[in-house]
Protein backbone atom coordinates (compact mmCIF):
# COMPACT_ATOMS: atom_id res chain seq x y z
CA MET A 1 -18.94 14.52 25.51
CA PRO A 2 -18.96 12.42 22.35
CA ARG A 3 -21.19 9.34 22.36
CA PRO A 4 -19.40 6.12 21.31
CA LEU A 5 -20.96 4.32 18.34
CA SER A 6 -21.33 0.55 18.45
CA PRO A 7 -20.00 -1.52 15.54
CA GLN A 8 -23.62 -2.19 14.57
CA GLU A 9 -24.44 1.53 14.49
CA ALA A 10 -21.34 2.22 12.39
CA GLU A 11 -22.31 -0.52 9.93
CA SER A 12 -25.84 0.90 9.64
CA LEU A 13 -24.17 4.20 8.68
CA GLY A 14 -22.06 2.47 6.01
CA VAL A 15 -18.78 2.04 7.89
CA SER A 16 -17.30 -1.37 8.73
CA THR A 17 -14.04 -2.92 9.82
CA LEU A 18 -12.02 -5.78 8.41
CA HIS A 19 -8.82 -6.99 10.08
CA GLU A 20 -6.63 -9.63 8.44
CA GLU A 21 -3.25 -11.30 8.46
CA MET A 22 -2.03 -11.31 4.86
CA ASP A 23 -0.23 -14.20 3.13
CA ASN A 24 3.08 -12.37 3.60
CA GLY A 25 2.50 -12.02 7.37
CA GLU A 26 1.53 -8.35 7.40
CA LEU A 27 -1.28 -7.33 9.72
CA ARG A 28 -3.94 -5.09 8.15
CA PHE A 29 -6.52 -3.19 10.19
CA ARG A 30 -9.17 -1.63 7.93
CA LEU A 31 -11.93 0.91 8.35
CA ARG A 32 -14.09 0.84 5.19
CA ALA A 33 -16.93 3.09 4.06
CA ARG A 34 -19.83 2.24 1.78
CA ASP A 35 -18.55 4.75 -0.81
CA GLY A 36 -15.39 2.66 -1.35
CA SER A 37 -13.02 4.84 0.63
CA SER A 38 -10.98 3.27 3.42
CA TYR A 39 -8.20 3.62 5.95
CA ILE A 40 -5.71 0.79 6.53
CA ARG A 41 -3.06 0.48 9.23
CA THR A 42 -0.45 -2.05 8.10
CA GLN A 43 2.13 -3.53 10.45
CA SER A 44 4.93 -5.45 8.79
CA ALA A 45 6.00 -8.91 9.83
CA PRO A 46 9.68 -9.77 10.44
CA ASN A 47 9.81 -11.31 6.96
CA SER A 48 6.85 -9.67 5.23
CA GLY A 49 8.29 -9.65 1.74
CA TRP A 50 6.76 -7.96 -1.26
CA GLN A 51 3.06 -7.31 -1.57
CA ASN A 52 1.31 -8.28 -4.83
CA SER A 53 1.81 -5.95 -7.80
CA HIS A 54 -1.30 -4.15 -9.00
CA LEU A 55 -2.74 -0.89 -10.28
CA HIS A 56 -5.82 1.19 -9.53
CA ARG A 57 -7.99 2.75 -12.22
CA GLN A 58 -10.11 5.01 -9.97
CA VAL A 59 -8.97 4.66 -6.36
CA HIS A 60 -6.36 7.14 -5.15
CA GLU A 61 -3.97 5.56 -2.66
CA LEU A 62 -1.96 7.62 -0.18
CA ASN A 63 0.63 5.86 2.02
CA VAL A 64 2.14 7.54 5.08
CA ILE A 65 5.01 5.84 6.90
CA GLN A 66 4.82 6.16 10.68
CA GLN A 67 7.93 4.10 11.45
CA GLY A 68 10.35 2.05 9.41
CA ALA A 69 10.55 2.21 5.61
CA MET A 70 8.70 1.15 2.48
CA VAL A 71 10.26 0.41 -0.90
CA VAL A 72 7.90 1.39 -3.72
CA VAL A 73 8.34 0.27 -7.32
CA GLU A 74 6.36 1.77 -10.20
CA GLU A 75 6.51 0.61 -13.81
CA HIS A 76 6.43 3.27 -16.52
CA ASN A 77 6.74 1.99 -20.12
CA GLY A 78 9.12 -0.85 -19.22
CA THR A 79 11.22 1.22 -16.81
CA LEU A 80 11.08 0.68 -13.07
CA SER A 81 11.06 3.67 -10.77
CA VAL A 82 12.26 2.71 -7.28
CA ARG A 83 11.74 4.86 -4.19
CA VAL A 84 12.38 4.39 -0.50
CA ILE A 85 9.77 6.10 1.68
CA ARG A 86 10.89 6.56 5.29
CA ALA A 87 9.21 7.51 8.58
CA GLY A 88 7.44 10.85 8.25
CA GLU A 89 7.29 10.65 4.44
CA PHE A 90 4.40 9.75 2.13
CA TYR A 91 3.70 8.23 -1.27
CA LEU A 92 0.71 9.03 -3.49
CA CYS A 93 0.25 6.31 -6.08
CA PRO A 94 -0.70 7.54 -9.56
CA LEU A 95 -3.75 6.02 -11.25
CA ASN A 96 -3.21 3.30 -13.88
CA VAL A 97 0.44 2.74 -12.91
CA PRO A 98 1.53 -0.80 -11.99
CA HIS A 99 3.18 -0.69 -8.58
CA ASN A 100 4.33 -2.83 -5.70
CA SER A 101 5.67 -2.20 -2.23
CA TYR A 102 7.83 -3.87 0.35
CA LEU A 103 7.64 -3.00 4.03
CA ALA A 104 10.88 -3.30 5.96
CA PRO A 105 10.69 -5.11 9.32
CA ASP A 106 9.10 -3.07 12.13
CA THR A 107 7.31 -0.75 9.71
CA VAL A 108 3.92 0.81 10.37
CA ALA A 109 2.19 2.34 7.36
CA HIS A 110 -1.12 4.17 7.09
CA THR A 111 -2.98 3.97 3.79
CA VAL A 112 -5.93 6.11 2.79
CA LYS A 113 -7.91 5.05 -0.29
CA TYR A 114 -10.27 7.65 -1.68
CA GLY A 115 -12.01 8.97 -4.77
CA THR A 116 -15.48 9.56 -6.17
CA ASP A 117 -17.90 6.99 -7.58
CA LEU A 118 -15.58 4.18 -6.55
CA PRO A 119 -16.27 0.64 -7.75
CA ASP A 120 -16.56 -2.27 -5.29
CA THR A 121 -13.08 -3.40 -6.30
CA ASP A 122 -10.38 -1.44 -8.07
CA TRP A 123 -7.39 -3.73 -7.76
CA VAL A 124 -6.00 -4.92 -11.11
CA PRO A 125 -3.23 -7.55 -10.71
CA CYS A 126 0.09 -6.99 -12.51
CA PRO A 127 1.98 -10.26 -11.89
CA HIS A 128 4.73 -9.47 -14.41
CA LEU A 129 5.96 -6.77 -12.00
CA ASP A 130 6.18 -9.25 -9.10
CA LYS A 131 9.01 -11.10 -10.85
CA LEU A 132 10.95 -7.88 -11.48
CA CYS A 133 10.57 -6.66 -7.89
CA ARG A 134 11.98 -9.87 -6.49
CA THR A 135 15.27 -9.29 -8.36
CA LEU A 136 15.95 -6.00 -6.55
CA ASP A 137 18.58 -5.79 -3.81
CA LEU A 138 16.41 -4.64 -0.91
CA GLU A 139 19.26 -4.37 1.54
CA ALA A 140 21.12 -1.97 -0.74
CA LEU A 141 17.96 0.02 -1.49
CA LEU A 142 17.12 0.45 2.20
CA LYS A 143 20.66 1.74 2.88
CA GLU A 144 20.29 4.41 0.15
CA THR A 145 18.49 7.66 0.75
CA GLY A 146 17.67 8.71 -2.81
CA GLN A 147 15.53 7.55 -5.69
CA GLY A 148 16.51 5.80 -8.87
CA SER A 149 15.33 4.12 -12.03
CA ILE A 150 16.13 0.66 -13.29
CA SER A 151 15.53 -0.22 -16.93
CA ASP A 152 13.51 -3.37 -17.55
CA SER A 153 15.25 -4.08 -20.84
C-alpha cells in the first residue's frame, strides 16, 4: 500500500500547497513544485467576474473545465479573440499572448502550469486588456456555442 506523505515531507521534496480566496471571490487550491510547475483547482464564486489580464513568457498554461464554462479572451495585434470553453473542453494558452478569463457561476476549472527552467514568477500584467474585457456581453457569449473575433479598433 502507498505510504502517505506529510506536508513537511512533501515540502522537503520541493512540493508545497497554497490555498487562497482571490479578490474576485474565486477559491484557488494550489499544488506547487520547486521547478515552477503547478496544479490549481479554481472554483468560481457566484459573482467572480473577470480575472486580471496577463501573459506568460515561459510558463505553459493548460485549463480544463470540469463543470460550468470559462470565457477566454486573447489579444492578437489589437484584435480580440473570444472563446467559450465548456465542461469537458480545454484551453492551452499560447506564450506571450495577453489573455484574460471569466469563470461562469458554479464553474470548476483545473489549471496545469508547466515548462522547463521556469522563473519564480512569469505573470506579466496587461491592464489595457482588462478594460476591453469588461465591455463584452458575457450573457450573450455564454449562450453562444462558437468562437469569434472582435476588433479593438
